[in-house]
Amino acid sequence: MGHRGGHLTRNNMKNVNLFIFIMMMALTVVITGCSKDQGSEPDTGSRTAFLGKWNVNETYTRLTYEVNITADPNSNSGVFISNFAGTGSSSTPASAAVNGTSIVLDANQVIGEGIIINGSGTLSGTKITWNYSLDDGATRLQAIATYTKQ
């Protein structure tokens, strides 16, 4: 007969060590799982890189013009782009959201004289490369533009 009592056997020690190891791993997961998620709040610092005046070279229409990107005061990541697609500085500005180096137009918004716009751009250094559509109800154009910071 084996000895039973208050003593730990080798198998019991392995079980205790395994239990301690599992508890330590679980505790590590809980602690790291409770840390603040950096991606949960908009990065207003990234928006700053997009603000200001930009020279635009649009490849499809071969237009060159200037836009001004300003911060949306009601949003941590929102911006307004005046003269988007060369619609004129008195036209309703396009609105977009910035996330890191990406800028995305608010979907299906109407600017200028009834032009529906959709698309996005990517910031690299002092340039934003855009890919967007313009739809006036009769014709839909796919445009590519490069913004260069002034």
Protein backbone atom coordinates (compact mmCIF):
# COMPACT_ATOMS: atom_id res chain seq x y z
CA MET A 1 0.00 0.00 0.00
CA GLY A 2 1.13 3.42 -0.79
CA HIS A 3 1.73 6.00 1.81
CA ARG A 4 -1.11 8.52 2.17
CA GLY A 5 -1.03 11.42 4.46
CA GLY A 6 -0.03 15.04 4.46
CA HIS A 7 2.95 14.50 2.17
CA LEU A 8 3.07 15.55 -1.47
CA THR A 9 3.99 12.88 -3.94
CA ARG A 10 5.89 13.52 -7.13
CA ASN A 11 2.65 13.52 -9.19
CA ASN A 12 1.01 15.93 -6.76
CA MET A 13 4.04 18.27 -7.02
CA LYS A 14 3.79 18.21 -10.83
CA ASN A 15 0.10 19.06 -10.57
CA VAL A 16 0.80 21.91 -8.15
CA ASN A 17 3.57 23.27 -10.40
CA LEU A 18 1.30 23.00 -13.45
CA PHE A 19 -1.49 24.76 -11.57
CA ILE A 20 0.86 27.60 -10.51
CA PHE A 21 2.15 27.92 -14.09
CA ILE A 22 -1.39 28.11 -15.52
CA MET A 23 -2.42 30.68 -12.92
CA MET A 24 0.66 32.83 -13.68
CA MET A 25 -0.14 32.71 -17.42
CA ALA A 26 -3.78 33.60 -16.76
CA LEU A 27 -2.72 36.49 -14.57
CA THR A 28 -0.39 37.74 -17.31
CA VAL A 29 -3.23 37.65 -19.84
CA VAL A 30 -5.56 39.49 -17.47
CA ILE A 31 -2.99 42.20 -16.72
CA THR A 32 -2.07 42.80 -20.36
CA GLY A 33 -5.73 42.58 -21.38
CA CYS A 34 -6.58 45.43 -19.04
CA SER A 35 -4.00 47.84 -20.40
CA LYS A 36 -5.25 50.92 -22.24
CA ASP A 37 -5.83 50.26 -25.93
CA GLN A 38 -3.92 52.88 -27.88
CA GLY A 39 -6.16 52.43 -30.93
CA SER A 40 -9.44 53.11 -29.16
CA GLU A 41 -9.12 56.89 -29.17
CA PRO A 42 -8.58 58.96 -32.31
CA ASP A 43 -5.02 60.08 -32.88
CA THR A 44 -5.34 63.86 -33.14
CA GLY A 45 -1.57 64.09 -33.67
CA SER A 46 -1.85 62.31 -37.01
CA ARG A 47 -4.55 64.77 -38.14
CA THR A 48 -2.13 67.67 -37.67
CA ALA A 49 0.09 66.37 -40.50
CA PHE A 50 -2.83 66.77 -42.94
CA LEU A 51 -3.72 70.35 -42.00
CA GLY A 52 -2.74 73.30 -44.19
CA LYS A 53 -2.57 74.33 -47.84
CA TRP A 54 -1.79 71.78 -50.55
CA ASN A 55 -1.06 72.03 -54.28
CA VAL A 56 -3.08 69.47 -56.23
CA ASN A 57 -2.21 67.69 -59.46
CA GLU A 58 -5.16 65.61 -60.62
CA THR A 59 -4.15 63.08 -63.26
CA TYR A 60 -7.50 62.17 -64.86
CA THR A 61 -8.76 65.70 -65.42
CA ARG A 62 -5.23 67.13 -65.66
CA LEU A 63 -6.29 69.91 -63.34
CA THR A 64 -4.00 71.73 -60.94
CA TYR A 65 -5.45 73.74 -58.09
CA GLU A 66 -5.04 74.43 -54.37
CA VAL A 67 -6.95 73.02 -51.40
CA ASN A 68 -6.95 73.95 -47.74
CA ILE A 69 -7.42 71.22 -45.12
CA THR A 70 -8.72 72.42 -41.76
CA ALA A 71 -9.64 70.61 -38.54
CA ASP A 72 -13.28 69.82 -37.85
CA PRO A 73 -13.82 71.42 -34.41
CA ASN A 74 -16.52 68.85 -33.58
CA SER A 75 -14.33 65.78 -34.15
CA ASN A 76 -10.94 64.49 -32.98
CA SER A 77 -10.15 62.98 -36.37
CA GLY A 78 -12.32 64.94 -38.80
CA VAL A 79 -11.14 67.47 -41.38
CA PHE A 80 -12.69 69.75 -43.99
CA ILE A 81 -11.15 70.09 -47.46
CA SER A 82 -12.05 73.32 -49.23
CA ASN A 83 -11.97 73.29 -53.05
CA PHE A 84 -11.92 69.48 -53.18
CA ALA A 85 -11.85 68.30 -56.83
CA GLY A 86 -11.49 71.93 -57.91
CA THR A 87 -15.12 72.76 -57.05
CA GLY A 88 -14.23 76.27 -55.87
CA SER A 89 -13.37 77.68 -52.49
CA SER A 90 -16.94 78.95 -51.98
CA SER A 91 -18.32 75.42 -52.46
CA THR A 92 -19.25 73.27 -49.48
CA PRO A 93 -16.00 71.70 -48.25
CA ALA A 94 -15.57 67.94 -48.41
CA SER A 95 -15.42 66.23 -45.03
CA ALA A 96 -13.12 63.35 -44.21
CA ALA A 97 -11.69 61.40 -41.29
CA VAL A 98 -7.99 60.86 -40.59
CA ASN A 99 -6.61 57.67 -39.08
CA GLY A 100 -2.83 57.49 -38.92
CA THR A 101 -1.60 58.16 -42.47
CA SER A 102 -4.99 57.45 -44.08
CA ILE A 103 -7.69 59.96 -44.93
CA VAL A 104 -11.15 58.76 -45.96
CA LEU A 105 -13.90 60.93 -47.43
CA ASP A 106 -17.26 60.68 -45.68
CA ALA A 107 -19.27 58.35 -47.93
CA ASN A 108 -21.59 59.66 -50.64
CA GLN A 109 -21.35 63.31 -49.66
CA VAL A 110 -22.42 65.98 -52.12
CA ILE A 111 -20.14 68.92 -52.94
CA GLY A 112 -20.11 71.64 -55.60
CA GLU A 113 -23.05 71.52 -57.95
CA GLY A 114 -24.39 68.11 -56.96
CA ILE A 115 -21.20 66.05 -57.27
CA ILE A 116 -21.18 62.89 -55.15
CA ILE A 117 -17.69 61.98 -53.95
CA ASN A 118 -16.19 58.82 -52.44
CA GLY A 119 -12.59 57.81 -51.88
CA SER A 120 -9.48 57.92 -49.76
CA GLY A 121 -5.87 58.98 -49.65
CA THR A 122 -2.58 58.08 -48.01
CA LEU A 123 -0.05 60.51 -46.56
CA SER A 124 3.64 59.85 -47.22
CA GLY A 125 6.01 62.60 -46.15
CA THR A 126 4.65 65.84 -47.63
CA LYS A 127 2.39 64.16 -50.22
CA ILE A 128 -1.11 62.70 -50.12
CA THR A 129 -1.99 60.27 -52.90
CA TRP A 130 -5.75 60.20 -53.51
CA ASN A 131 -8.02 57.77 -55.34
CA TYR A 132 -11.63 58.94 -55.51
CA SER A 133 -14.76 59.01 -57.63
CA LEU A 134 -16.81 61.98 -58.80
CA ASP A 135 -20.41 61.36 -59.86
CA ASP A 136 -22.61 64.19 -61.17
CA GLY A 137 -25.56 61.88 -61.86
CA ALA A 138 -24.77 61.54 -65.56
CA THR A 139 -21.08 60.62 -65.50
CA ARG A 140 -18.89 58.88 -62.97
CA LEU A 141 -15.17 59.64 -63.10
CA GLN A 142 -12.42 57.84 -61.25
CA ALA A 143 -9.73 60.34 -60.29
CA ILE A 144 -6.21 60.06 -58.96
CA ALA A 145 -4.63 63.14 -57.43
CA THR A 146 -1.42 64.02 -55.66
CA TYR A 147 -1.48 66.69 -52.98
CA THR A 148 1.86 68.32 -52.20
CA LYS A 149 2.14 70.37 -49.00
CA GLN A 150 2.97 74.03 -49.49
